[in-house]
ModelCIF file with pLDDT and N, C-alpha, C, O atoms, coordinates in Angstrom:
data_MODEL
#
_entry.id   MODEL 
#
_entity.id                         1 
_entity.type                       polymer 
_entity.pdbx_number_of_molecules   1 
#
_entity_poly.entity_id                      1 
_entity_poly.type                           'polypeptide(L)' 
_entity_poly.nstd_linkage                   no 
_entity_poly.nstd_monomer                   no 
_entity_poly.pdbx_seq_one_letter_code       EPFLETAAEAMGIDRLRVIDTGLDPVTAEREQWEDGNNTLAVSPGVVV 
_entity_poly.pdbx_seq_one_letter_code_can   EPFLETAAEAMGIDRLRVIDTGLDPVTAEREQWEDGNNTLAVSPGVVV 
_entity_poly.pdbx_strand_id                 A 
#
loop_
_entity_poly_seq.entity_id 
_entity_poly_seq.num 
_entity_poly_seq.mon_id 
_entity_poly_seq.hetero 
1 1  GLU n 
1 2  PRO n 
1 3  PHE n 
1 4  LEU n 
1 5  GLU n 
1 6  THR n 
1 7  ALA n 
1 8  ALA n 
1 9  GLU n 
1 10 ALA n 
1 11 MET n 
1 12 GLY n 
1 13 ILE n 
1 14 ASP n 
1 15 ARG n 
1 16 LEU n 
1 17 ARG n 
1 18 VAL n 
1 19 ILE n 
1 20 ASP n 
1 21 THR n 
1 22 GLY n 
1 23 LEU n 
1 24 ASP n 
1 25 PRO n 
1 26 VAL n 
1 27 THR n 
1 28 ALA n 
1 29 GLU n 
1 30 ARG n 
1 31 GLU n 
1 32 GLN n 
1 33 TRP n 
1 34 GLU n 
1 35 ASP n 
1 36 GLY n 
1 37 ASN n 
1 38 ASN n 
1 39 THR n 
1 40 LEU n 
1 41 ALA n 
1 42 VAL n 
1 43 SER n 
1 44 PRO n 
1 45 GLY n 
1 46 VAL n 
1 47 VAL n 
1 48 VAL n 
#
_struct_asym.id          A 
_struct_asym.entity_id   1 
#
loop_
_ma_qa_metric.id 
_ma_qa_metric.mode 
_ma_qa_metric.name 
_ma_qa_metric.software_group_id 
_ma_qa_metric.type 
1 global pLDDT . pLDDT 
2 local  pLDDT . pLDDT 
#
_ma_qa_metric_global.metric_id      1 
_ma_qa_metric_global.metric_value   84.69 
_ma_qa_metric_global.model_id       1 
_ma_qa_metric_global.ordinal_id     1 
#
loop_
_ma_qa_metric_local.label_asym_id 
_ma_qa_metric_local.label_comp_id 
_ma_qa_metric_local.label_seq_id 
_ma_qa_metric_local.metric_id 
_ma_qa_metric_local.metric_value 
_ma_qa_metric_local.model_id 
_ma_qa_metric_local.ordinal_id 
A GLU 1  2 95.00 1 1  
A PRO 2  2 95.00 1 2  
A PHE 3  2 95.00 1 3  
A LEU 4  2 94.00 1 4  
A GLU 5  2 94.00 1 5  
A THR 6  2 95.00 1 6  
A ALA 7  2 95.00 1 7  
A ALA 8  2 95.00 1 8  
A GLU 9  2 93.00 1 9  
A ALA 10 2 95.00 1 10 
A MET 11 2 93.00 1 11 
A GLY 12 2 93.00 1 12 
A ILE 13 2 93.00 1 13 
A ASP 14 2 92.00 1 14 
A ARG 15 2 93.00 1 15 
A LEU 16 2 92.00 1 16 
A ARG 17 2 93.00 1 17 
A VAL 18 2 93.00 1 18 
A ILE 19 2 90.00 1 19 
A ASP 20 2 82.00 1 20 
A THR 21 2 81.00 1 21 
A GLY 22 2 69.00 1 22 
A LEU 23 2 68.00 1 23 
A ASP 24 2 65.00 1 24 
A PRO 25 2 76.00 1 25 
A VAL 26 2 76.00 1 26 
A THR 27 2 75.00 1 27 
A ALA 28 2 67.00 1 28 
A GLU 29 2 73.00 1 29 
A ARG 30 2 69.00 1 30 
A GLU 31 2 59.00 1 31 
A GLN 32 2 68.00 1 32 
A TRP 33 2 57.00 1 33 
A GLU 34 2 58.00 1 34 
A ASP 35 2 61.00 1 35 
A GLY 36 2 65.00 1 36 
A ASN 37 2 79.00 1 37 
A ASN 38 2 88.00 1 38 
A THR 39 2 91.00 1 39 
A LEU 40 2 95.00 1 40 
A ALA 41 2 96.00 1 41 
A VAL 42 2 96.00 1 42 
A SER 43 2 95.00 1 43 
A PRO 44 2 95.00 1 44 
A GLY 45 2 95.00 1 45 
A VAL 46 2 96.00 1 46 
A VAL 47 2 96.00 1 47 
A VAL 48 2 96.00 1 48 
#
loop_
_atom_site.group_PDB 
_atom_site.id 
_atom_site.type_symbol 
_atom_site.label_atom_id 
_atom_site.label_alt_id 
_atom_site.label_comp_id 
_atom_site.label_asym_id 
_atom_site.label_entity_id 
_atom_site.label_seq_id 
_atom_site.pdbx_PDB_ins_code 
_atom_site.Cartn_x 
_atom_site.Cartn_y 
_atom_site.Cartn_z 
_atom_site.occupancy 
_atom_site.B_iso_or_equiv 
_atom_site.pdbx_formal_charge 
_atom_site.auth_seq_id 
_atom_site.auth_comp_id 
_atom_site.auth_asym_id 
_atom_site.auth_atom_id 
_atom_site.pdbx_PDB_model_num 
ATOM 1   N N  . GLU A 1 1  ? -39.914 103.518 -63.211 1.00 95.00 ? 1  GLU A N  1 
ATOM 2   C CA . GLU A 1 1  ? -40.946 103.054 -61.611 1.00 95.00 ? 1  GLU A CA 1 
ATOM 3   C C  . GLU A 1 1  ? -40.510 102.174 -61.628 1.00 95.00 ? 1  GLU A C  1 
ATOM 4   O O  . GLU A 1 1  ? -40.032 101.570 -62.588 1.00 95.00 ? 1  GLU A O  1 
ATOM 5   N N  . PRO A 1 2  ? -40.614 101.702 -59.843 1.00 95.00 ? 2  PRO A N  1 
ATOM 6   C CA . PRO A 1 2  ? -39.576 99.502  -59.411 1.00 95.00 ? 2  PRO A CA 1 
ATOM 7   C C  . PRO A 1 2  ? -40.127 99.058  -60.053 1.00 95.00 ? 2  PRO A C  1 
ATOM 8   O O  . PRO A 1 2  ? -41.300 99.305  -59.774 1.00 95.00 ? 2  PRO A O  1 
ATOM 9   N N  . PHE A 1 3  ? -40.004 98.055  -61.432 1.00 95.00 ? 3  PHE A N  1 
ATOM 10  C CA . PHE A 1 3  ? -40.395 97.386  -61.220 1.00 95.00 ? 3  PHE A CA 1 
ATOM 11  C C  . PHE A 1 3  ? -41.538 96.536  -60.532 1.00 95.00 ? 3  PHE A C  1 
ATOM 12  O O  . PHE A 1 3  ? -42.697 96.397  -60.923 1.00 95.00 ? 3  PHE A O  1 
ATOM 13  N N  . LEU A 1 4  ? -40.969 96.036  -59.483 1.00 94.00 ? 4  LEU A N  1 
ATOM 14  C CA . LEU A 1 4  ? -41.784 95.034  -58.707 1.00 94.00 ? 4  LEU A CA 1 
ATOM 15  C C  . LEU A 1 4  ? -43.308 95.864  -58.658 1.00 94.00 ? 4  LEU A C  1 
ATOM 16  O O  . LEU A 1 4  ? -44.343 95.205  -58.746 1.00 94.00 ? 4  LEU A O  1 
ATOM 17  N N  . GLU A 1 5  ? -43.330 96.720  -58.572 1.00 94.00 ? 5  GLU A N  1 
ATOM 18  C CA . GLU A 1 5  ? -44.545 97.459  -58.079 1.00 94.00 ? 5  GLU A CA 1 
ATOM 19  C C  . GLU A 1 5  ? -45.262 98.343  -59.451 1.00 94.00 ? 5  GLU A C  1 
ATOM 20  O O  . GLU A 1 5  ? -46.375 98.868  -59.492 1.00 94.00 ? 5  GLU A O  1 
ATOM 21  N N  . THR A 1 6  ? -44.379 98.300  -60.344 1.00 95.00 ? 6  THR A N  1 
ATOM 22  C CA . THR A 1 6  ? -44.963 98.261  -61.645 1.00 95.00 ? 6  THR A CA 1 
ATOM 23  C C  . THR A 1 6  ? -45.532 96.737  -62.260 1.00 95.00 ? 6  THR A C  1 
ATOM 24  O O  . THR A 1 6  ? -46.696 96.511  -62.591 1.00 95.00 ? 6  THR A O  1 
ATOM 25  N N  . ALA A 1 7  ? -44.735 96.066  -62.298 1.00 95.00 ? 7  ALA A N  1 
ATOM 26  C CA . ALA A 1 7  ? -45.475 95.027  -62.276 1.00 95.00 ? 7  ALA A CA 1 
ATOM 27  C C  . ALA A 1 7  ? -46.454 94.628  -62.489 1.00 95.00 ? 7  ALA A C  1 
ATOM 28  O O  . ALA A 1 7  ? -47.096 94.361  -63.505 1.00 95.00 ? 7  ALA A O  1 
ATOM 29  N N  . ALA A 1 8  ? -46.767 94.513  -60.223 1.00 95.00 ? 8  ALA A N  1 
ATOM 30  C CA . ALA A 1 8  ? -48.235 93.972  -60.090 1.00 95.00 ? 8  ALA A CA 1 
ATOM 31  C C  . ALA A 1 8  ? -49.117 95.062  -60.063 1.00 95.00 ? 8  ALA A C  1 
ATOM 32  O O  . ALA A 1 8  ? -50.117 94.894  -59.365 1.00 95.00 ? 8  ALA A O  1 
ATOM 33  N N  . GLU A 1 9  ? -48.958 96.563  -60.873 1.00 93.00 ? 9  GLU A N  1 
ATOM 34  C CA . GLU A 1 9  ? -49.958 96.766  -61.107 1.00 93.00 ? 9  GLU A CA 1 
ATOM 35  C C  . GLU A 1 9  ? -51.021 96.427  -62.455 1.00 93.00 ? 9  GLU A C  1 
ATOM 36  O O  . GLU A 1 9  ? -52.181 96.572  -62.840 1.00 93.00 ? 9  GLU A O  1 
ATOM 37  N N  . ALA A 1 10 ? -49.543 95.807  -62.884 1.00 95.00 ? 10 ALA A N  1 
ATOM 38  C CA . ALA A 1 10 ? -50.508 95.940  -65.010 1.00 95.00 ? 10 ALA A CA 1 
ATOM 39  C C  . ALA A 1 10 ? -50.728 94.356  -64.514 1.00 95.00 ? 10 ALA A C  1 
ATOM 40  O O  . ALA A 1 10 ? -51.249 93.460  -65.178 1.00 95.00 ? 10 ALA A O  1 
ATOM 41  N N  . MET A 1 11 ? -50.383 94.299  -63.654 1.00 93.00 ? 11 MET A N  1 
ATOM 42  C CA . MET A 1 11 ? -51.003 92.364  -63.569 1.00 93.00 ? 11 MET A CA 1 
ATOM 43  C C  . MET A 1 11 ? -52.304 92.225  -63.149 1.00 93.00 ? 11 MET A C  1 
ATOM 44  O O  . MET A 1 11 ? -53.079 91.269  -63.139 1.00 93.00 ? 11 MET A O  1 
ATOM 45  N N  . GLY A 1 12 ? -52.405 93.619  -62.730 1.00 93.00 ? 12 GLY A N  1 
ATOM 46  C CA . GLY A 1 12 ? -53.769 93.859  -61.186 1.00 93.00 ? 12 GLY A CA 1 
ATOM 47  C C  . GLY A 1 12 ? -54.248 93.447  -59.878 1.00 93.00 ? 12 GLY A C  1 
ATOM 48  O O  . GLY A 1 12 ? -55.336 93.557  -59.312 1.00 93.00 ? 12 GLY A O  1 
ATOM 49  N N  . ILE A 1 13 ? -52.368 92.597  -59.338 1.00 93.00 ? 13 ILE A N  1 
ATOM 50  C CA . ILE A 1 13 ? -52.196 91.653  -58.526 1.00 93.00 ? 13 ILE A CA 1 
ATOM 51  C C  . ILE A 1 13 ? -52.050 93.087  -57.449 1.00 93.00 ? 13 ILE A C  1 
ATOM 52  O O  . ILE A 1 13 ? -51.950 94.265  -57.792 1.00 93.00 ? 13 ILE A O  1 
ATOM 53  N N  . ASP A 1 14 ? -52.082 92.429  -55.882 1.00 92.00 ? 14 ASP A N  1 
ATOM 54  C CA . ASP A 1 14 ? -51.970 93.515  -54.773 1.00 92.00 ? 14 ASP A CA 1 
ATOM 55  C C  . ASP A 1 14 ? -50.050 93.404  -55.116 1.00 92.00 ? 14 ASP A C  1 
ATOM 56  O O  . ASP A 1 14 ? -49.586 94.398  -55.675 1.00 92.00 ? 14 ASP A O  1 
ATOM 57  N N  . ARG A 1 15 ? -49.379 92.630  -54.894 1.00 93.00 ? 15 ARG A N  1 
ATOM 58  C CA . ARG A 1 15 ? -47.559 92.048  -55.179 1.00 93.00 ? 15 ARG A CA 1 
ATOM 59  C C  . ARG A 1 15 ? -47.397 91.100  -56.051 1.00 93.00 ? 15 ARG A C  1 
ATOM 60  O O  . ARG A 1 15 ? -48.160 90.190  -56.374 1.00 93.00 ? 15 ARG A O  1 
ATOM 61  N N  . LEU A 1 16 ? -46.014 91.458  -56.530 1.00 92.00 ? 16 LEU A N  1 
ATOM 62  C CA . LEU A 1 16 ? -45.466 89.926  -56.834 1.00 92.00 ? 16 LEU A CA 1 
ATOM 63  C C  . LEU A 1 16 ? -44.971 89.464  -55.609 1.00 92.00 ? 16 LEU A C  1 
ATOM 64  O O  . LEU A 1 16 ? -44.966 90.232  -54.647 1.00 92.00 ? 16 LEU A O  1 
ATOM 65  N N  . ARG A 1 17 ? -44.516 88.218  -55.498 1.00 93.00 ? 17 ARG A N  1 
ATOM 66  C CA . ARG A 1 17 ? -44.217 87.229  -54.241 1.00 93.00 ? 17 ARG A CA 1 
ATOM 67  C C  . ARG A 1 17 ? -43.150 86.837  -54.755 1.00 93.00 ? 17 ARG A C  1 
ATOM 68  O O  . ARG A 1 17 ? -43.177 86.209  -55.814 1.00 93.00 ? 17 ARG A O  1 
ATOM 69  N N  . VAL A 1 18 ? -41.529 87.237  -53.864 1.00 93.00 ? 18 VAL A N  1 
ATOM 70  C CA . VAL A 1 18 ? -40.207 87.519  -54.281 1.00 93.00 ? 18 VAL A CA 1 
ATOM 71  C C  . VAL A 1 18 ? -39.449 86.611  -53.643 1.00 93.00 ? 18 VAL A C  1 
ATOM 72  O O  . VAL A 1 18 ? -39.495 86.723  -52.418 1.00 93.00 ? 18 VAL A O  1 
ATOM 73  N N  . ILE A 1 19 ? -38.532 85.451  -54.203 1.00 90.00 ? 19 ILE A N  1 
ATOM 74  C CA . ILE A 1 19 ? -38.280 84.184  -53.692 1.00 90.00 ? 19 ILE A CA 1 
ATOM 75  C C  . ILE A 1 19 ? -36.581 84.805  -54.188 1.00 90.00 ? 19 ILE A C  1 
ATOM 76  O O  . ILE A 1 19 ? -36.012 84.983  -55.265 1.00 90.00 ? 19 ILE A O  1 
ATOM 77  N N  . ASP A 1 20 ? -36.315 84.939  -53.114 1.00 82.00 ? 20 ASP A N  1 
ATOM 78  C CA . ASP A 1 20 ? -34.344 85.382  -53.468 1.00 82.00 ? 20 ASP A CA 1 
ATOM 79  C C  . ASP A 1 20 ? -33.100 84.279  -54.199 1.00 82.00 ? 20 ASP A C  1 
ATOM 80  O O  . ASP A 1 20 ? -33.055 83.053  -54.104 1.00 82.00 ? 20 ASP A O  1 
ATOM 81  N N  . THR A 1 21 ? -32.454 84.914  -54.702 1.00 81.00 ? 21 THR A N  1 
ATOM 82  C CA . THR A 1 21 ? -31.245 83.552  -55.160 1.00 81.00 ? 21 THR A CA 1 
ATOM 83  C C  . THR A 1 21 ? -30.629 83.693  -54.061 1.00 81.00 ? 21 THR A C  1 
ATOM 84  O O  . THR A 1 21 ? -30.343 84.731  -53.464 1.00 81.00 ? 21 THR A O  1 
ATOM 85  N N  . GLY A 1 22 ? -30.340 82.172  -53.689 1.00 69.00 ? 22 GLY A N  1 
ATOM 86  C CA . GLY A 1 22 ? -29.443 81.672  -52.667 1.00 69.00 ? 22 GLY A CA 1 
ATOM 87  C C  . GLY A 1 22 ? -29.677 82.417  -51.428 1.00 69.00 ? 22 GLY A C  1 
ATOM 88  O O  . GLY A 1 22 ? -30.788 82.895  -51.199 1.00 69.00 ? 22 GLY A O  1 
ATOM 89  N N  . LEU A 1 23 ? -28.306 82.594  -50.292 1.00 68.00 ? 23 LEU A N  1 
ATOM 90  C CA . LEU A 1 23 ? -28.868 82.787  -48.839 1.00 68.00 ? 23 LEU A CA 1 
ATOM 91  C C  . LEU A 1 23 ? -28.469 83.957  -48.341 1.00 68.00 ? 23 LEU A C  1 
ATOM 92  O O  . LEU A 1 23 ? -29.016 84.777  -47.604 1.00 68.00 ? 23 LEU A O  1 
ATOM 93  N N  . ASP A 1 24 ? -27.184 83.890  -48.983 1.00 65.00 ? 24 ASP A N  1 
ATOM 94  C CA . ASP A 1 24 ? -25.969 85.489  -48.360 1.00 65.00 ? 24 ASP A CA 1 
ATOM 95  C C  . ASP A 1 24 ? -26.279 85.779  -49.744 1.00 65.00 ? 24 ASP A C  1 
ATOM 96  O O  . ASP A 1 24 ? -27.136 85.480  -50.575 1.00 65.00 ? 24 ASP A O  1 
ATOM 97  N N  . PRO A 1 25 ? -25.046 86.610  -49.637 1.00 76.00 ? 25 PRO A N  1 
ATOM 98  C CA . PRO A 1 25 ? -24.763 87.206  -50.999 1.00 76.00 ? 25 PRO A CA 1 
ATOM 99  C C  . PRO A 1 25 ? -23.774 86.467  -51.748 1.00 76.00 ? 25 PRO A C  1 
ATOM 100 O O  . PRO A 1 25 ? -23.896 86.069  -52.906 1.00 76.00 ? 25 PRO A O  1 
ATOM 101 N N  . VAL A 1 26 ? -22.696 86.308  -50.911 1.00 76.00 ? 26 VAL A N  1 
ATOM 102 C CA . VAL A 1 26 ? -22.255 85.170  -51.926 1.00 76.00 ? 26 VAL A CA 1 
ATOM 103 C C  . VAL A 1 26 ? -22.947 84.495  -52.398 1.00 76.00 ? 26 VAL A C  1 
ATOM 104 O O  . VAL A 1 26 ? -23.589 84.904  -53.365 1.00 76.00 ? 26 VAL A O  1 
ATOM 105 N N  . THR A 1 27 ? -23.055 83.659  -52.097 1.00 75.00 ? 27 THR A N  1 
ATOM 106 C CA . THR A 1 27 ? -23.993 82.425  -52.541 1.00 75.00 ? 27 THR A CA 1 
ATOM 107 C C  . THR A 1 27 ? -25.020 82.813  -53.004 1.00 75.00 ? 27 THR A C  1 
ATOM 108 O O  . THR A 1 27 ? -25.776 81.852  -53.142 1.00 75.00 ? 27 THR A O  1 
ATOM 109 N N  . ALA A 1 28 ? -25.505 83.818  -53.355 1.00 67.00 ? 28 ALA A N  1 
ATOM 110 C CA . ALA A 1 28 ? -26.707 84.665  -54.160 1.00 67.00 ? 28 ALA A CA 1 
ATOM 111 C C  . ALA A 1 28 ? -25.522 85.051  -55.351 1.00 67.00 ? 28 ALA A C  1 
ATOM 112 O O  . ALA A 1 28 ? -25.129 84.619  -56.435 1.00 67.00 ? 28 ALA A O  1 
ATOM 113 N N  . GLU A 1 29 ? -25.354 85.691  -54.799 1.00 73.00 ? 29 GLU A N  1 
ATOM 114 C CA . GLU A 1 29 ? -24.157 85.377  -56.622 1.00 73.00 ? 29 GLU A CA 1 
ATOM 115 C C  . GLU A 1 29 ? -23.677 84.109  -57.093 1.00 73.00 ? 29 GLU A C  1 
ATOM 116 O O  . GLU A 1 29 ? -24.383 83.394  -57.804 1.00 73.00 ? 29 GLU A O  1 
ATOM 117 N N  . ARG A 1 30 ? -22.658 83.827  -56.782 1.00 69.00 ? 30 ARG A N  1 
ATOM 118 C CA . ARG A 1 30 ? -22.485 82.128  -56.901 1.00 69.00 ? 30 ARG A CA 1 
ATOM 119 C C  . ARG A 1 30 ? -23.909 81.631  -57.684 1.00 69.00 ? 30 ARG A C  1 
ATOM 120 O O  . ARG A 1 30 ? -23.883 81.559  -58.913 1.00 69.00 ? 30 ARG A O  1 
ATOM 121 N N  . GLU A 1 31 ? -25.117 81.299  -56.966 1.00 59.00 ? 31 GLU A N  1 
ATOM 122 C CA . GLU A 1 31 ? -25.546 80.472  -57.563 1.00 59.00 ? 31 GLU A CA 1 
ATOM 123 C C  . GLU A 1 31 ? -26.291 81.403  -58.647 1.00 59.00 ? 31 GLU A C  1 
ATOM 124 O O  . GLU A 1 31 ? -26.580 80.650  -59.577 1.00 59.00 ? 31 GLU A O  1 
ATOM 125 N N  . GLN A 1 32 ? -26.750 82.777  -58.951 1.00 68.00 ? 32 GLN A N  1 
ATOM 126 C CA . GLN A 1 32 ? -27.293 83.857  -60.110 1.00 68.00 ? 32 GLN A CA 1 
ATOM 127 C C  . GLN A 1 32 ? -26.350 83.352  -61.286 1.00 68.00 ? 32 GLN A C  1 
ATOM 128 O O  . GLN A 1 32 ? -26.701 83.117  -62.443 1.00 68.00 ? 32 GLN A O  1 
ATOM 129 N N  . TRP A 1 33 ? -25.629 83.285  -60.977 1.00 57.00 ? 33 TRP A N  1 
ATOM 130 C CA . TRP A 1 33 ? -24.011 82.933  -61.887 1.00 57.00 ? 33 TRP A CA 1 
ATOM 131 C C  . TRP A 1 33 ? -24.106 81.714  -62.707 1.00 57.00 ? 33 TRP A C  1 
ATOM 132 O O  . TRP A 1 33 ? -23.686 81.663  -63.863 1.00 57.00 ? 33 TRP A O  1 
ATOM 133 N N  . GLU A 1 34 ? -24.888 80.342  -61.843 1.00 58.00 ? 34 GLU A N  1 
ATOM 134 C CA . GLU A 1 34 ? -24.456 79.630  -62.017 1.00 58.00 ? 34 GLU A CA 1 
ATOM 135 C C  . GLU A 1 34 ? -26.295 79.329  -62.614 1.00 58.00 ? 34 GLU A C  1 
ATOM 136 O O  . GLU A 1 34 ? -26.588 78.140  -62.739 1.00 58.00 ? 34 GLU A O  1 
ATOM 137 N N  . ASP A 1 35 ? -27.154 80.130  -62.870 1.00 61.00 ? 35 ASP A N  1 
ATOM 138 C CA . ASP A 1 35 ? -28.131 80.645  -63.489 1.00 61.00 ? 35 ASP A CA 1 
ATOM 139 C C  . ASP A 1 35 ? -29.834 80.151  -63.035 1.00 61.00 ? 35 ASP A C  1 
ATOM 140 O O  . ASP A 1 35 ? -30.838 79.863  -63.686 1.00 61.00 ? 35 ASP A O  1 
ATOM 141 N N  . GLY A 1 36 ? -29.461 80.254  -61.390 1.00 65.00 ? 36 GLY A N  1 
ATOM 142 C CA . GLY A 1 36 ? -30.146 79.973  -60.148 1.00 65.00 ? 36 GLY A CA 1 
ATOM 143 C C  . GLY A 1 36 ? -31.175 80.730  -60.451 1.00 65.00 ? 36 GLY A C  1 
ATOM 144 O O  . GLY A 1 36 ? -32.104 80.576  -59.659 1.00 65.00 ? 36 GLY A O  1 
ATOM 145 N N  . ASN A 1 37 ? -31.415 81.657  -61.478 1.00 79.00 ? 37 ASN A N  1 
ATOM 146 C CA . ASN A 1 37 ? -32.796 81.787  -61.489 1.00 79.00 ? 37 ASN A CA 1 
ATOM 147 C C  . ASN A 1 37 ? -33.322 81.887  -62.566 1.00 79.00 ? 37 ASN A C  1 
ATOM 148 O O  . ASN A 1 37 ? -33.769 82.901  -63.103 1.00 79.00 ? 37 ASN A O  1 
ATOM 149 N N  . ASN A 1 38 ? -33.298 81.047  -62.860 1.00 88.00 ? 38 ASN A N  1 
ATOM 150 C CA . ASN A 1 38 ? -32.918 80.913  -64.997 1.00 88.00 ? 38 ASN A CA 1 
ATOM 151 C C  . ASN A 1 38 ? -33.812 79.585  -64.950 1.00 88.00 ? 38 ASN A C  1 
ATOM 152 O O  . ASN A 1 38 ? -33.185 78.652  -65.451 1.00 88.00 ? 38 ASN A O  1 
ATOM 153 N N  . THR A 1 39 ? -35.233 79.171  -64.451 1.00 91.00 ? 39 THR A N  1 
ATOM 154 C CA . THR A 1 39 ? -35.907 78.286  -64.039 1.00 91.00 ? 39 THR A CA 1 
ATOM 155 C C  . THR A 1 39 ? -36.923 78.139  -65.080 1.00 91.00 ? 39 THR A C  1 
ATOM 156 O O  . THR A 1 39 ? -37.486 79.200  -65.348 1.00 91.00 ? 39 THR A O  1 
ATOM 157 N N  . LEU A 1 40 ? -37.338 77.048  -65.785 1.00 95.00 ? 40 LEU A N  1 
ATOM 158 C CA . LEU A 1 40 ? -38.934 76.928  -66.521 1.00 95.00 ? 40 LEU A CA 1 
ATOM 159 C C  . LEU A 1 40 ? -40.038 76.628  -66.022 1.00 95.00 ? 40 LEU A C  1 
ATOM 160 O O  . LEU A 1 40 ? -40.244 75.431  -66.221 1.00 95.00 ? 40 LEU A O  1 
ATOM 161 N N  . ALA A 1 41 ? -40.888 77.125  -65.452 1.00 96.00 ? 41 ALA A N  1 
ATOM 162 C CA . ALA A 1 41 ? -42.064 76.970  -65.142 1.00 96.00 ? 41 ALA A CA 1 
ATOM 163 C C  . ALA A 1 41 ? -42.850 75.824  -65.887 1.00 96.00 ? 41 ALA A C  1 
ATOM 164 O O  . ALA A 1 41 ? -43.485 76.153  -66.889 1.00 96.00 ? 41 ALA A O  1 
ATOM 165 N N  . VAL A 1 42 ? -42.860 74.553  -65.497 1.00 96.00 ? 42 VAL A N  1 
ATOM 166 C CA . VAL A 1 42 ? -44.102 73.244  -65.826 1.00 96.00 ? 42 VAL A CA 1 
ATOM 167 C C  . VAL A 1 42 ? -45.721 73.193  -65.928 1.00 96.00 ? 42 VAL A C  1 
ATOM 168 O O  . VAL A 1 42 ? -46.705 72.701  -66.481 1.00 96.00 ? 42 VAL A O  1 
ATOM 169 N N  . SER A 1 43 ? -45.210 74.103  -64.943 1.00 95.00 ? 43 SER A N  1 
ATOM 170 C CA . SER A 1 43 ? -46.818 74.418  -64.495 1.00 95.00 ? 43 SER A CA 1 
ATOM 171 C C  . SER A 1 43 ? -47.542 75.754  -63.848 1.00 95.00 ? 43 SER A C  1 
ATOM 172 O O  . SER A 1 43 ? -47.971 76.650  -64.574 1.00 95.00 ? 43 SER A O  1 
ATOM 173 N N  . PRO A 1 44 ? -47.611 75.784  -62.762 1.00 95.00 ? 44 PRO A N  1 
ATOM 174 C CA . PRO A 1 44 ? -47.733 77.390  -61.806 1.00 95.00 ? 44 PRO A CA 1 
ATOM 175 C C  . PRO A 1 44 ? -47.450 76.643  -60.705 1.00 95.00 ? 44 PRO A C  1 
ATOM 176 O O  . PRO A 1 44 ? -48.150 75.681  -60.388 1.00 95.00 ? 44 PRO A O  1 
ATOM 177 N N  . GLY A 1 45 ? -46.304 77.058  -59.968 1.00 95.00 ? 45 GLY A N  1 
ATOM 178 C CA . GLY A 1 45 ? -45.834 76.601  -58.962 1.00 95.00 ? 45 GLY A CA 1 
ATOM 179 C C  . GLY A 1 45 ? -44.845 75.286  -59.023 1.00 95.00 ? 45 GLY A C  1 
ATOM 180 O O  . GLY A 1 45 ? -44.942 74.386  -58.188 1.00 95.00 ? 45 GLY A O  1 
ATOM 181 N N  . VAL A 1 46 ? -43.715 75.261  -60.281 1.00 96.00 ? 46 VAL A N  1 
ATOM 182 C CA . VAL A 1 46 ? -44.002 73.522  -60.867 1.00 96.00 ? 46 VAL A CA 1 
ATOM 183 C C  . VAL A 1 46 ? -42.726 73.959  -61.884 1.00 96.00 ? 46 VAL A C  1 
ATOM 184 O O  . VAL A 1 46 ? -43.035 74.334  -63.015 1.00 96.00 ? 46 VAL A O  1 
ATOM 185 N N  . VAL A 1 47 ? -41.281 73.920  -61.502 1.00 96.00 ? 47 VAL A N  1 
ATOM 186 C CA . VAL A 1 47 ? -40.236 74.636  -62.171 1.00 96.00 ? 47 VAL A CA 1 
ATOM 187 C C  . VAL A 1 47 ? -38.901 73.128  -62.267 1.00 96.00 ? 47 VAL A C  1 
ATOM 188 O O  . VAL A 1 47 ? -38.515 72.332  -61.411 1.00 96.00 ? 47 VAL A O  1 
ATOM 189 N N  . VAL A 1 48 ? -38.636 73.272  -63.375 1.00 96.00 ? 48 VAL A N  1 
ATOM 190 C CA . VAL A 1 48 ? -37.717 73.030  -64.067 1.00 96.00 ? 48 VAL A CA 1 
ATOM 191 C C  . VAL A 1 48 ? -36.023 74.162  -63.763 1.00 96.00 ? 48 VAL A C  1 
ATOM 192 O O  . VAL A 1 48 ? -35.020 73.968  -64.449 1.00 96.00 ? 48 VAL A O  1 
#
């Protein structure tokens, strides 16, 4: 099933909020390649 909906249901929340990598398709592809999605959470809402 769709990941976002399945994850939210398992987590017991209405939905997962999604922040997109980049601003447009080209920027998103570039920043995904440069690990734009690969953040480390230090605490809720604080990431490296």
